[in-house]
Amino acid sequence: MKILVPRITDATKKKDLIEFANSVLQKWFRFPFSDHPKINSCRVLTISDSMGVTLRHGLLDVSPDDAAVRVIRKLNGAFLGGKRVGVKHYDDAVARAIGRTT
């Protein structure tokens, strides 16, 4: 499941996003023989509009899905780089509809 961390600071790097998500994933209780939660990919997206405003967003791909849901629930409203951030599910269908792909 892909997780979006919108409007991150300019100083936030991929390493910071991974550590942010791992703060929840490392505490994950799992049964023997179950999949260990992991971050499959991490990207920092930079989007500029026609007015020259640039926004940066973090995009994480976390598996399994129940681990991603837990990351969203625990980190939504947490501080990343000194700024409170929202963390939510990234919907590929919406991105394709507005012309952005991952």
Protein backbone atom coordinates (compact mmCIF):
# COMPACT_ATOMS: atom_id res chain seq x y z
CA MET A 1 0.00 0.00 0.00
CA LYS A 2 1.30 3.42 -0.86
CA ILE A 3 1.40 6.11 1.81
CA LEU A 4 1.51 9.84 1.08
CA VAL A 5 3.19 12.34 3.40
CA PRO A 6 2.19 15.68 1.84
CA ARG A 7 3.93 19.03 2.16
CA ILE A 8 7.21 17.95 3.72
CA THR A 9 9.97 20.50 4.35
CA ASP A 10 12.78 21.15 1.89
CA ALA A 11 15.25 19.63 4.36
CA THR A 12 13.42 16.27 4.50
CA LYS A 13 15.28 13.50 2.70
CA LYS A 14 14.37 9.91 1.79
CA LYS A 15 16.34 8.71 4.82
CA ASP A 16 14.16 10.88 7.09
CA LEU A 17 10.95 9.43 5.62
CA ILE A 18 12.22 5.87 6.07
CA GLU A 19 13.19 6.52 9.70
CA PHE A 20 9.79 8.17 10.25
CA ALA A 21 7.91 5.06 9.06
CA ASN A 22 10.34 2.64 10.72
CA SER A 23 9.58 4.21 14.10
CA VAL A 24 6.25 2.35 13.86
CA LEU A 25 7.33 -0.70 11.87
CA GLN A 26 10.14 -1.68 14.25
CA LYS A 27 7.62 -2.02 17.07
CA TRP A 28 5.37 -4.25 14.97
CA PHE A 29 4.21 -7.42 16.71
CA ARG A 30 4.08 -10.32 14.31
CA PHE A 31 3.33 -13.98 14.55
CA PRO A 32 6.00 -16.53 13.61
CA PHE A 33 6.03 -17.30 9.88
CA SER A 34 4.18 -14.07 9.03
CA ASP A 35 5.60 -11.46 6.69
CA HIS A 36 7.80 -8.88 8.37
CA PRO A 37 6.59 -5.37 7.54
CA LYS A 38 8.94 -3.48 5.26
CA ILE A 39 9.30 -0.39 3.15
CA ASN A 40 9.49 -1.48 -0.48
CA SER A 41 10.25 1.97 -1.88
CA CYS A 42 10.54 5.59 -0.84
CA ARG A 43 10.43 8.70 -3.02
CA VAL A 44 10.44 12.44 -2.52
CA LEU A 45 8.22 14.07 -5.13
CA THR A 46 8.71 17.71 -6.09
CA ILE A 47 5.77 19.32 -7.87
CA SER A 48 5.76 22.88 -9.24
CA ASP A 49 2.66 24.67 -10.41
CA SER A 50 2.34 27.36 -13.11
CA MET A 51 2.77 30.10 -10.50
CA GLY A 52 6.19 28.79 -9.48
CA VAL A 53 5.05 27.33 -6.16
CA THR A 54 6.94 24.14 -5.37
CA LEU A 55 5.58 21.48 -3.04
CA ARG A 56 7.42 18.39 -1.80
CA HIS A 57 5.66 15.17 -0.87
CA GLY A 58 6.90 11.86 0.47
CA LEU A 59 5.66 8.60 -1.03
CA LEU A 60 6.30 5.29 0.73
CA ASP A 61 5.31 1.80 -0.39
CA VAL A 62 4.79 -0.37 2.72
CA SER A 63 3.85 -4.04 2.86
CA PRO A 64 1.85 -5.81 4.10
CA ASP A 65 -1.22 -3.57 3.92
CA ASP A 66 -2.09 -3.93 7.61
CA ALA A 67 1.34 -2.52 8.48
CA ALA A 68 0.71 0.44 6.17
CA VAL A 69 -2.63 1.12 7.85
CA ARG A 70 -0.89 1.12 11.21
CA VAL A 71 1.77 3.56 9.96
CA ILE A 72 -0.95 5.91 8.73
CA ARG A 73 -2.88 5.71 11.99
CA LYS A 74 0.17 6.21 14.24
CA LEU A 75 1.96 8.93 12.26
CA ASN A 76 -0.91 11.08 11.02
CA GLY A 77 -0.42 14.38 12.83
CA ALA A 78 3.11 13.53 14.02
CA PHE A 79 6.10 15.83 13.59
CA LEU A 80 8.59 15.27 10.78
CA GLY A 81 11.48 17.72 10.52
CA GLY A 82 9.86 20.04 13.06
CA LYS A 83 6.60 20.27 11.11
CA ARG A 84 3.31 18.49 11.80
CA VAL A 85 2.41 16.33 8.80
CA GLY A 86 -0.63 14.47 7.62
CA VAL A 87 -0.14 10.87 6.58
CA LYS A 88 -2.69 9.18 4.33
CA HIS A 89 -3.30 6.43 1.84
CA TYR A 90 -2.13 7.29 -1.68
CA ASP A 91 -4.70 6.37 -4.29
CA ASP A 92 -3.16 5.50 -7.68
CA ALA A 93 -6.51 5.89 -9.46
CA VAL A 94 -6.80 9.53 -8.41
CA ALA A 95 -3.21 10.21 -9.50
CA ARG A 96 -3.86 8.70 -12.93
CA ALA A 97 -7.04 10.74 -13.31
CA ILE A 98 -5.14 14.01 -12.82
CA GLY A 99 -2.23 12.89 -15.01
CA ARG A 100 0.38 11.94 -12.43
CA THR A 101 1.83 8.44 -12.31
CA THR A 102 4.25 6.74 -9.96
